[in-house]
Amino acid sequence: MKISIARFLLTIFVLIITSPLYAQSMRDIERELRSTYEGTIVVLKNSYLETSQKYDETGRWLGKSTKVGSWTLYSHVKVRKLSLKENEVHVEADRVFIGFDGTTPKGYMPIHNVPVYIEIRLSGGLADKARYESALHNITLRSIIDLAEHSSPVWNNYFEKLTTEAELHSNSPSPSTEVKPADAVDKTQNIFRVGPKVSAPKPEHTPDPDYSELARQEKVTGVVTLAVIVDTDGSTKDIRIFKPIGFGLDEMACEKVLIWRFKPGMIDGTPVPVRITVETTFSLY
């Protein structure tokens, strides 16, 4: 009995001695993380729509809804405040909307703030700096290029081009390098290109794309360039983004082009699937 009491008193004594040290350590870790993150733009791994977001320390989503949106609207945030609690990281941030200068992404902060609150819960046991840093790294990406595996397939071609040094420093895309001249054939899918023997599909029904409320408020205008296959029945498929404008409008352009209809391309009077480039214009007037 005396031994149990002695152990209990020793435990209390250790807690009394170490608690201030732990609190000081927490303050030091928080100060370092605030210096690293506050005022910076970070790229979130997933473009969840929820304003209040919760994760565990492995980056697993703990929120109620798994709905995601365009990475140009929901992947980037500018950190306003970072704070630590015992085994918790709290981040207050504002969303940063992405527009494009040619093919080069550029950050755009709207006049009105769109806040997002992030909470990361660490499992039991006292967390050190490495665990807090790891928890933050598990929900973020190193660069915009890493978004490729977390974005819609319509962006695949764009991200492939973005990874090359030439595209990273280019001010204009080159969709014509994909849509080859003459009557070249994609032998793996039997997809044709417009050329002397292959007639170009002719548009018959090409409604304008819809505007997002955000883009309308911010008076965003521009042209999205897409590559698309026009099938033998005149329908469209396999849409790829070549020249985006951002602000969530690129995906809206893809959705609208899916219902476009053409008179199909022909070879000797026989309809064939043909890959072409198309443009969708966003204009407020």
Protein backbone atom coordinates (compact mmCIF):
# COMPACT_ATOMS: atom_id res chain seq x y z
CA MET A 1 0.00 0.00 0.00
CA LYS A 2 2.84 2.35 0.93
CA ILE A 3 4.58 1.50 -2.38
CA SER A 4 1.42 2.38 -4.36
CA ILE A 5 1.10 5.71 -2.60
CA ALA A 6 4.76 6.44 -3.22
CA ARG A 7 4.38 5.68 -6.93
CA PHE A 8 1.29 7.86 -7.12
CA LEU A 9 3.09 10.76 -5.45
CA LEU A 10 6.08 10.28 -7.74
CA THR A 11 3.82 10.39 -10.79
CA ILE A 12 2.20 13.61 -9.59
CA PHE A 13 5.62 15.11 -8.94
CA VAL A 14 6.85 14.20 -12.43
CA LEU A 15 3.74 15.72 -14.01
CA ILE A 16 4.19 18.91 -12.02
CA ILE A 17 7.81 19.19 -13.11
CA THR A 18 7.34 18.24 -16.77
CA SER A 19 4.09 20.08 -17.55
CA PRO A 20 5.70 23.53 -17.75
CA LEU A 21 8.48 22.07 -19.89
CA TYR A 22 5.94 20.49 -22.25
CA ALA A 23 3.97 23.71 -22.44
CA GLN A 24 7.14 25.61 -23.28
CA SER A 25 7.99 23.03 -25.93
CA MET A 26 4.50 23.38 -27.42
CA ARG A 27 4.90 27.14 -27.61
CA ASP A 28 8.27 26.76 -29.33
CA ILE A 29 6.88 24.28 -31.88
CA GLU A 30 3.87 26.51 -32.52
CA ARG A 31 6.13 29.54 -33.02
CA GLU A 32 8.23 27.66 -35.60
CA LEU A 33 5.22 26.33 -37.48
CA ARG A 34 3.56 29.74 -37.51
CA SER A 35 6.74 31.23 -38.95
CA THR A 36 6.70 28.59 -41.69
CA TYR A 37 3.03 28.63 -42.63
CA GLU A 38 1.34 31.91 -41.72
CA GLY A 39 1.04 34.27 -44.66
CA THR A 40 1.91 31.55 -47.17
CA ILE A 41 -0.21 29.83 -49.81
CA VAL A 42 -0.38 26.05 -49.47
CA VAL A 43 -1.81 23.44 -51.82
CA LEU A 44 -4.29 21.06 -50.23
CA LYS A 45 -4.14 17.45 -51.38
CA ASN A 46 -7.91 17.23 -51.92
CA SER A 47 -10.30 19.94 -53.10
CA TYR A 48 -13.08 19.39 -50.56
CA LEU A 49 -15.97 21.84 -50.64
CA GLU A 50 -16.52 21.98 -46.89
CA THR A 51 -15.56 25.18 -45.11
CA SER A 52 -14.79 23.32 -41.88
CA GLN A 53 -12.40 20.45 -42.57
CA LYS A 54 -11.18 17.71 -40.24
CA TYR A 55 -8.40 15.15 -40.77
CA ASP A 56 -6.45 12.64 -38.73
CA GLU A 57 -2.66 12.87 -38.67
CA THR A 58 -2.30 10.47 -41.63
CA GLY A 59 -4.32 12.87 -43.80
CA ARG A 60 -7.48 10.75 -43.68
CA TRP A 61 -10.61 12.84 -44.17
CA LEU A 62 -12.91 12.99 -41.13
CA GLY A 63 -15.49 15.40 -42.56
CA LYS A 64 -19.14 14.64 -43.23
CA SER A 65 -19.14 15.25 -46.97
CA THR A 66 -16.61 13.95 -49.48
CA LYS A 67 -17.76 16.26 -52.27
CA VAL A 68 -14.91 17.91 -54.13
CA GLY A 69 -14.77 20.78 -56.61
CA SER A 70 -12.38 22.21 -59.15
CA TRP A 71 -8.81 22.40 -57.89
CA THR A 72 -8.66 25.94 -59.29
CA LEU A 73 -11.21 26.93 -56.63
CA TYR A 74 -10.67 24.60 -53.70
CA SER A 75 -7.07 23.36 -53.56
CA HIS A 76 -5.18 26.54 -52.59
CA VAL A 77 -5.47 28.41 -49.30
CA LYS A 78 -3.56 31.29 -47.73
CA VAL A 79 -2.88 30.61 -44.06
CA ARG A 80 -3.91 33.42 -41.69
CA LYS A 81 -3.36 31.71 -38.36
CA LEU A 82 -1.93 28.42 -37.11
CA SER A 83 -2.27 27.22 -33.53
CA LEU A 84 -1.56 24.05 -31.59
CA LYS A 85 -3.48 22.34 -28.86
CA GLU A 86 -2.51 19.09 -27.27
CA ASN A 87 -2.44 16.64 -30.20
CA GLU A 88 -4.35 19.04 -32.45
CA VAL A 89 -3.41 21.46 -35.23
CA HIS A 90 -5.79 24.31 -36.07
CA VAL A 91 -5.46 26.36 -39.25
CA GLU A 92 -7.50 29.40 -40.24
CA ALA A 93 -7.10 30.28 -43.90
CA ASP A 94 -8.69 31.95 -46.92
CA ARG A 95 -9.21 30.23 -50.23
CA VAL A 96 -7.09 31.43 -53.12
CA PHE A 97 -8.67 31.09 -56.54
CA ILE A 98 -6.42 30.20 -59.45
CA GLY A 99 -6.52 31.87 -62.85
CA PHE A 100 -4.07 31.47 -65.72
CA ASP A 101 -1.73 33.64 -67.72
CA GLY A 102 -1.42 31.53 -70.87
CA THR A 103 -0.71 28.10 -69.37
CA THR A 104 1.03 29.49 -66.29
CA PRO A 105 -1.10 29.38 -63.13
CA LYS A 106 -1.29 32.54 -61.05
CA GLY A 107 -2.92 33.13 -57.69
CA TYR A 108 -5.93 35.42 -57.51
CA MET A 109 -7.43 36.58 -54.24
CA PRO A 110 -11.00 37.83 -54.62
CA ILE A 111 -12.15 40.98 -52.88
CA HIS A 112 -14.33 39.02 -50.47
CA ASN A 113 -12.69 36.46 -48.19
CA VAL A 114 -13.76 32.84 -48.43
CA PRO A 115 -12.54 31.27 -45.18
CA VAL A 116 -11.71 27.65 -44.50
CA TYR A 117 -10.99 26.12 -41.10
CA ILE A 118 -8.80 23.04 -40.82
CA GLU A 119 -8.39 20.78 -37.82
CA ILE A 120 -5.91 17.89 -37.70
CA ARG A 121 -6.28 15.40 -34.85
CA LEU A 122 -3.24 13.45 -33.73
CA SER A 123 -3.55 10.10 -31.97
CA GLY A 124 -2.64 9.51 -28.32
CA GLY A 125 0.73 10.23 -26.81
CA LEU A 126 2.59 13.49 -26.55
CA ALA A 127 3.28 14.88 -30.02
CA ASP A 128 6.65 16.35 -30.91
CA LYS A 129 7.52 18.78 -33.70
CA ALA A 130 8.09 15.98 -36.22
CA ARG A 131 4.56 14.63 -35.71
CA TYR A 132 2.95 18.04 -36.09
CA GLU A 133 4.97 18.70 -39.26
CA SER A 134 4.11 15.27 -40.63
CA ALA A 135 0.40 15.86 -39.97
CA LEU A 136 0.52 19.09 -41.97
CA HIS A 137 2.51 17.49 -44.80
CA ASN A 138 -0.05 14.68 -45.06
CA ILE A 139 -2.84 17.06 -46.12
CA THR A 140 -0.75 19.28 -48.39
CA LEU A 141 1.28 18.95 -51.59
CA ARG A 142 4.71 20.27 -52.49
CA SER A 143 3.60 21.98 -55.68
CA ILE A 144 0.74 22.46 -58.10
CA ILE A 145 2.14 19.70 -60.34
CA ASP A 146 1.45 17.12 -57.62
CA LEU A 147 -2.27 17.84 -58.04
CA ALA A 148 -2.29 15.65 -61.15
CA GLU A 149 -3.20 12.44 -59.30
CA HIS A 150 -5.88 14.23 -57.27
CA SER A 151 -7.66 16.03 -60.13
CA SER A 152 -10.24 15.14 -62.76
CA PRO A 153 -8.88 13.15 -65.75
CA VAL A 154 -9.72 16.09 -68.03
CA TRP A 155 -6.61 17.77 -66.57
CA ASN A 156 -4.20 14.88 -67.24
CA ASN A 157 -2.79 16.26 -70.46
CA TYR A 158 -2.37 19.73 -68.98
CA PHE A 159 -0.40 18.43 -65.98
CA GLU A 160 1.76 16.23 -68.20
CA LYS A 161 2.75 19.31 -70.17
CA LEU A 162 3.22 21.37 -67.03
CA THR A 163 5.86 18.96 -65.75
CA THR A 164 8.19 19.77 -68.60
CA GLU A 165 10.53 22.70 -68.15
CA ALA A 166 9.50 24.19 -71.48
CA GLU A 167 5.86 24.37 -70.46
CA LEU A 168 6.66 25.74 -67.03
CA HIS A 169 8.29 28.75 -68.66
CA SER A 170 5.98 29.05 -71.66
CA ASN A 171 3.32 31.73 -71.98
CA SER A 172 1.23 29.88 -74.54
CA PRO A 173 0.02 26.29 -74.93
CA SER A 174 0.55 24.23 -78.03
CA PRO A 175 -2.64 22.27 -78.65
CA SER A 176 -1.65 21.95 -82.30
CA THR A 177 1.11 19.55 -81.28
CA GLU A 178 -1.63 17.12 -80.23
CA VAL A 179 -3.96 17.67 -83.18
CA LYS A 180 -1.59 16.72 -85.97
CA PRO A 181 -1.97 17.79 -89.60
CA ALA A 182 -2.70 15.50 -92.51
CA ASP A 183 -4.46 12.18 -92.05
CA ALA A 184 -2.38 10.72 -89.24
CA VAL A 185 -4.07 7.94 -87.29
CA ASP A 186 -4.01 7.09 -83.59
CA LYS A 187 -3.49 3.38 -84.21
CA THR A 188 -4.10 2.33 -80.60
CA GLN A 189 -7.66 3.69 -80.63
CA ASN A 190 -8.26 4.09 -84.36
CA ILE A 191 -8.77 7.83 -83.90
CA PHE A 192 -8.16 10.00 -86.96
CA ARG A 193 -6.82 13.53 -87.40
CA VAL A 194 -8.11 16.08 -89.84
CA GLY A 195 -6.16 15.97 -93.09
CA PRO A 196 -6.40 15.64 -96.87
CA LYS A 197 -8.30 12.35 -96.62
CA VAL A 198 -10.17 13.09 -93.40
CA SER A 199 -12.84 15.81 -93.37
CA ALA A 200 -13.27 17.94 -90.25
CA PRO A 201 -16.39 17.46 -88.11
CA LYS A 202 -18.87 20.31 -88.58
CA PRO A 203 -20.59 21.80 -85.51
CA GLU A 204 -24.38 21.57 -85.42
CA HIS A 205 -25.27 22.20 -81.76
CA THR A 206 -22.74 24.11 -79.61
CA PRO A 207 -24.47 25.88 -76.71
CA ASP A 208 -22.42 28.34 -74.67
CA PRO A 209 -21.03 27.18 -71.33
CA ASP A 210 -22.63 28.19 -68.04
CA TYR A 211 -21.03 30.73 -65.73
CA SER A 212 -20.24 30.01 -62.10
CA GLU A 213 -21.59 32.60 -59.69
CA LEU A 214 -18.08 33.31 -58.43
CA ALA A 215 -16.67 33.92 -61.91
CA ARG A 216 -19.58 36.19 -62.74
CA GLN A 217 -19.06 38.20 -59.55
CA GLU A 218 -15.36 38.57 -60.31
CA LYS A 219 -16.11 39.43 -63.97
CA VAL A 220 -13.88 36.64 -65.28
CA THR A 221 -13.84 36.29 -69.07
CA GLY A 222 -11.74 34.26 -71.46
CA VAL A 223 -11.47 31.29 -73.78
CA VAL A 224 -10.93 27.66 -72.76
CA THR A 225 -9.22 25.51 -75.39
CA LEU A 226 -10.12 21.82 -75.31
CA ALA A 227 -9.20 18.73 -77.31
CA VAL A 228 -12.09 16.40 -77.98
CA ILE A 229 -12.94 13.31 -80.02
CA VAL A 230 -16.01 13.62 -82.25
CA ASP A 231 -17.39 10.10 -82.61
CA THR A 232 -19.07 8.57 -85.65
CA ASP A 233 -22.53 9.59 -84.38
CA GLY A 234 -21.45 13.21 -83.89
CA SER A 235 -21.25 13.01 -80.10
CA THR A 236 -18.17 14.10 -78.12
CA LYS A 237 -15.93 12.19 -75.74
CA ASP A 238 -12.41 12.07 -74.23
CA ILE A 239 -12.26 15.79 -73.48
CA ARG A 240 -8.88 17.22 -72.43
CA ILE A 241 -8.01 20.70 -71.23
CA PHE A 242 -5.21 22.40 -73.15
CA LYS A 243 -5.57 26.08 -72.35
CA PRO A 244 -7.45 26.75 -69.09
CA ILE A 245 -8.64 30.03 -67.60
CA GLY A 246 -9.32 28.76 -64.09
CA PHE A 247 -11.89 29.90 -61.50
CA GLY A 248 -13.76 26.60 -61.97
CA LEU A 249 -14.78 27.52 -65.53
CA ASP A 250 -12.67 24.86 -67.27
CA GLU A 251 -14.73 21.98 -65.86
CA MET A 252 -17.91 23.85 -66.77
CA ALA A 253 -16.65 24.15 -70.34
CA CYS A 254 -16.00 20.39 -70.42
CA GLU A 255 -19.50 19.64 -69.14
CA LYS A 256 -21.08 21.78 -71.86
CA VAL A 257 -18.92 20.38 -74.67
CA LEU A 258 -20.10 16.89 -73.71
CA ILE A 259 -23.53 17.79 -75.08
CA TRP A 260 -22.23 19.43 -78.26
CA ARG A 261 -23.16 17.67 -81.49
CA PHE A 262 -21.37 17.61 -84.84
CA LYS A 263 -21.72 16.22 -88.28
CA PRO A 264 -18.95 13.61 -87.99
CA GLY A 265 -15.69 13.64 -89.90
CA MET A 266 -15.58 11.44 -92.98
CA ILE A 267 -13.23 9.26 -94.99
CA ASP A 268 -14.65 8.55 -98.45
CA GLY A 269 -18.17 9.25 -97.13
CA THR A 270 -17.84 6.98 -94.10
CA PRO A 271 -18.04 8.54 -90.59
CA VAL A 272 -14.90 8.11 -88.49
CA PRO A 273 -13.90 9.31 -85.01
CA VAL A 274 -11.76 12.43 -85.27
CA ARG A 275 -9.79 14.35 -82.67
CA ILE A 276 -10.10 18.14 -82.94
CA THR A 277 -9.59 21.23 -80.78
CA VAL A 278 -12.50 23.46 -79.85
CA GLU A 279 -12.83 26.73 -77.98
CA THR A 280 -15.48 27.75 -75.48
CA THR A 281 -15.84 31.45 -74.73
CA PHE A 282 -16.86 32.96 -71.41
CA SER A 283 -18.14 36.47 -71.95
CA LEU A 284 -20.33 38.69 -69.81
CA TYR A 285 -21.57 40.73 -72.76
